[in-house]
Protein backbone atom coordinates (compact mmCIF):
# COMPACT_ATOMS: atom_id res chain seq x y z
CA SER A 1 -5.20 4.05 -13.47
CA ILE A 2 -1.85 5.48 -14.50
CA ARG A 3 0.43 3.67 -16.94
CA ARG A 4 3.67 1.99 -15.96
CA ASP A 5 5.71 4.72 -17.68
CA GLU A 6 4.06 7.35 -15.44
CA VAL A 7 4.70 5.59 -12.13
CA GLY A 8 8.26 6.80 -11.58
CA THR A 9 7.22 10.43 -11.94
CA LEU A 10 4.32 9.92 -9.52
CA LEU A 11 6.71 8.38 -6.99
CA ARG A 12 9.12 11.30 -7.37
CA LYS A 13 6.26 13.76 -6.82
CA ILE A 14 5.10 11.87 -3.72
CA GLU A 15 8.67 11.93 -2.37
CA THR A 16 8.77 15.75 -2.66
CA TYR A 17 5.16 16.34 -1.49
CA GLU A 18 5.17 19.42 0.70
CA GLY A 19 2.08 18.64 2.79
CA GLU A 20 1.97 16.60 6.00
CA PRO A 21 4.68 13.89 6.14
CA GLU A 22 2.01 11.41 7.31
CA THR A 23 0.12 11.98 4.04
CA ARG A 24 3.24 11.40 1.98
CA ILE A 25 3.94 8.13 3.81
CA ALA A 26 0.27 7.08 3.46
CA LEU A 27 0.55 7.45 -0.33
CA GLN A 28 3.74 5.37 -0.35
CA LEU A 29 2.08 2.67 1.75
CA ALA A 30 -1.00 2.68 -0.49
CA LEU A 31 1.31 1.66 -3.34
CA LEU A 32 3.58 -0.84 -1.59
CA PRO A 33 1.39 -3.55 0.05
CA ALA A 34 -1.54 -2.85 -2.34
CA VAL A 35 -4.16 -2.93 0.45
CA ARG A 36 -7.46 -1.04 0.30
CA THR A 37 -7.36 2.61 1.39
CA SER A 38 -9.85 1.91 4.22
CA GLU A 39 -7.62 -0.88 5.55
CA LEU A 40 -4.60 1.41 5.50
CA ARG A 41 -6.31 4.43 7.08
CA GLY A 42 -7.81 2.35 9.89
CA ALA A 43 -4.58 0.50 10.76
CA TRP A 44 -3.24 0.13 14.30
CA TRP A 45 0.46 -0.19 15.08
CA SER A 46 -0.35 -3.37 17.02
CA GLU A 47 -1.23 -5.11 13.71
CA PHE A 48 2.40 -5.06 12.56
CA GLU A 49 5.05 -7.58 13.51
CA GLY A 50 8.66 -8.36 12.64
CA LEU A 51 9.53 -4.81 11.55
CA ASP A 52 13.04 -5.29 12.94
CA GLN A 53 13.50 -8.72 11.36
CA PRO A 54 14.47 -8.45 7.69
CA GLY A 55 12.41 -10.76 5.52
CA SER A 56 9.71 -11.52 8.08
CA ALA A 57 7.74 -8.27 8.51
CA LEU A 58 4.00 -8.93 8.42
CA TRP A 59 0.78 -6.94 8.69
CA ARG A 60 -2.12 -8.87 10.26
CA ILE A 61 -5.36 -7.08 9.41
CA PRO A 62 -8.22 -8.40 11.56
CA ALA A 63 -11.43 -9.67 9.96
CA GLU A 64 -13.58 -6.81 11.24
CA ARG A 65 -11.50 -4.31 9.27
CA MET A 66 -11.58 -6.27 6.01
CA LYS A 67 -14.18 -5.79 3.26
CA MET A 68 -14.76 -9.56 3.04
CA ARG A 69 -14.71 -10.02 6.84
CA GLN A 70 -11.80 -12.45 6.62
CA PRO A 71 -8.50 -11.76 8.40
CA HIS A 72 -5.75 -10.81 5.97
CA LEU A 73 -1.99 -11.33 6.17
CA ALA A 74 0.09 -8.88 4.14
CA PRO A 75 3.83 -9.56 3.91
CA LEU A 76 5.83 -6.32 3.85
CA SER A 77 8.72 -5.44 1.56
CA THR A 78 11.84 -3.72 2.89
CA GLN A 79 10.51 -0.51 1.27
CA ALA A 80 7.19 -0.77 3.18
CA VAL A 81 9.10 -1.37 6.43
CA ALA A 82 11.28 1.70 5.75
CA ALA A 83 8.14 3.84 5.24
CA LEU A 84 6.64 2.53 8.51
CA LYS A 85 9.86 3.35 10.37
CA LYS A 86 9.67 6.94 9.12
CA LEU A 87 6.05 7.11 10.29
CA ALA A 88 6.63 5.57 13.75
CA PRO A 89 8.06 8.68 15.51
CA LEU A 90 5.14 10.74 14.16
CA THR A 91 2.18 8.57 15.16
CA ARG A 92 3.15 5.46 17.12
CA LYS A 93 2.22 6.93 20.51
CA SER A 94 -1.39 7.34 19.37
CA GLY A 95 -1.71 3.61 18.61
CA ARG A 96 -3.02 4.47 15.15
CA LEU A 97 -0.92 4.61 11.98
CA PHE A 98 -2.87 7.62 10.74
CA PRO A 99 -4.74 9.35 13.58
CA GLY A 100 -6.93 12.21 12.42
CA LYS A 101 -10.12 14.16 12.76
CA GLY A 102 -12.02 11.96 10.34
CA PRO A 103 -14.68 9.38 11.32
CA GLY A 104 -13.28 6.85 13.78
CA GLY A 105 -10.43 9.18 14.72
CA VAL A 106 -8.40 8.42 11.60
CA MET A 107 -7.17 10.28 8.54
CA SER A 108 -10.13 11.12 6.31
CA ASN A 109 -10.80 9.35 3.03
CA ASN A 110 -10.13 12.56 1.13
CA THR A 111 -6.70 13.33 2.59
CA MET A 112 -4.80 11.08 0.17
CA LEU A 113 -7.13 11.87 -2.73
CA PHE A 114 -6.65 15.63 -2.32
CA ALA A 115 -2.90 15.09 -2.02
CA LEU A 116 -2.99 13.35 -5.41
CA TYR A 117 -4.96 16.32 -6.79
CA ARG A 118 -2.30 18.70 -5.49
CA LEU A 119 0.35 16.57 -7.20
CA GLY A 120 -1.50 16.95 -10.52
CA TYR A 121 -3.34 13.61 -10.66
CA ARG A 122 -6.99 14.70 -10.44
CA GLY A 123 -8.95 12.43 -12.79
CA ARG A 124 -5.81 10.42 -13.57
CA THR A 125 -5.52 8.03 -10.65
CA THR A 126 -6.76 7.33 -7.12
CA THR A 127 -5.29 5.27 -4.31
CA HIS A 128 -7.68 2.48 -5.37
CA GLY A 129 -6.06 2.67 -8.81
CA PHE A 130 -2.75 1.68 -7.17
CA ARG A 131 -4.22 -1.80 -6.56
CA SER A 132 -5.07 -2.16 -10.26
CA LEU A 133 -1.57 -1.04 -11.15
CA PHE A 134 -0.02 -3.70 -8.91
CA SER A 135 -2.37 -6.38 -10.28
CA THR A 136 -1.58 -5.49 -13.91
CA GLU A 137 2.18 -5.38 -13.36
CA ALA A 138 2.33 -8.59 -11.31
CA ASN A 139 0.19 -10.47 -13.85
CA GLU A 140 2.32 -9.21 -16.73
CA ARG A 141 5.46 -10.29 -14.89
CA GLY A 142 3.97 -13.79 -14.73
CA PHE A 143 3.28 -14.16 -11.01
CA ASN A 144 0.70 -16.80 -10.10
CA SER A 145 -2.78 -15.25 -10.19
CA ASP A 146 -3.72 -17.00 -6.91
CA TRP A 147 -0.88 -15.17 -5.14
CA ILE A 148 -1.98 -11.84 -6.64
CA GLU A 149 -5.65 -12.36 -5.73
CA ARG A 150 -4.68 -13.39 -2.19
CA GLN A 151 -2.51 -10.28 -1.82
CA LEU A 152 -5.45 -8.12 -2.95
CA ALA A 153 -7.75 -10.02 -0.51
CA HIS A 154 -10.31 -10.60 -3.24
CA ASP A 155 -13.40 -12.64 -2.45
CA GLU A 156 -13.41 -16.27 -3.56
CA ARG A 157 -16.91 -16.74 -4.99
CA ASP A 158 -16.33 -20.41 -5.76
CA ASP A 159 -16.52 -22.43 -2.50
CA VAL A 160 -14.10 -25.12 -3.66
CA ARG A 161 -11.57 -22.53 -4.80
CA GLY A 162 -12.16 -20.59 -1.57
CA ALA A 163 -11.41 -23.65 0.57
CA TYR A 164 -8.29 -24.42 -1.46
CA ASN A 165 -7.17 -20.82 -1.15
CA ALA A 166 -7.18 -20.96 2.62
CA ALA A 167 -3.51 -21.48 1.74
CA GLN A 168 -1.95 -18.09 2.34
CA TYR A 169 1.02 -18.48 -0.07
CA LEU A 170 3.03 -16.33 2.33
CA PRO A 171 6.56 -17.21 1.12
CA GLN A 172 5.55 -16.70 -2.52
CA ARG A 173 3.70 -13.45 -1.79
CA ARG A 174 6.63 -12.17 0.28
CA GLU A 175 8.89 -12.69 -2.72
CA MET A 176 6.32 -11.06 -5.03
CA MET A 177 5.88 -8.00 -2.80
CA GLN A 178 9.64 -7.56 -2.50
CA TRP A 179 9.81 -7.67 -6.30
CA TRP A 180 7.09 -4.96 -6.36
CA GLY A 181 8.94 -2.77 -3.86
CA ASP A 182 12.16 -3.13 -5.86
CA GLU A 183 10.29 -2.44 -9.11
CA LEU A 184 8.78 0.79 -7.75
CA GLU A 185 12.22 1.85 -6.50
CA LYS A 186 13.72 1.27 -9.98
CA LEU A 187 10.91 3.19 -11.70
CA GLN A 188 11.38 6.11 -9.30
CA ALA A 189 15.16 6.13 -9.81
CA ALA A 190 14.71 6.14 -13.61
CA ALA A 191 12.24 9.06 -13.61
CA GLN A 192 13.31 12.65 -14.12
CA PRO A 193 13.55 14.63 -10.87
CA THR A 194 10.50 16.83 -10.33
CA HIS A 195 10.31 20.26 -8.79
CA MET A 196 7.07 21.03 -7.00
CA SER A 197 5.77 24.54 -7.28
CA GLY A 198 2.79 26.37 -5.89
CA PRO A 199 1.07 25.89 -2.52
């Protein structure tokens, strides 16, 4: 995964990506709520609520779309909401966030990966690496590891811990994800502007 001091430049490059706008927004959303790529690509607009209510936007991912077959609630930062609002006029009518020609009628797994290659990140990071980046940064900032694990929808192998963790920690995770959105914004603002060249 990329280092913290490389994140701002990556964000700048994503912002100026000259491919499909849907791909650019997909990369931004892969970073912001730190969900799995498959969960993002397969998303339906109907899973989102509160996008017009500051501080209460939520993404309800149903169990059948989750790796662990448990429904997942992902609170959304103002930055994630802003990205969704840019995407809405492009794809909302289809019902899917990222309709495409891939399996299941959604954007293919390689679309975001190849976009990262075009931006110069082949072998340096993947969209899955964005989850590791979030986990590292949130842990280093001192956020409660239960909140971080719940945000990442990691499996609870220990039954007792799993039962205890039925608690969703939504208010705490909302605060944490807003911190993450703000942090990414600061890193992007601090990075040198980039000029894309080539196809």
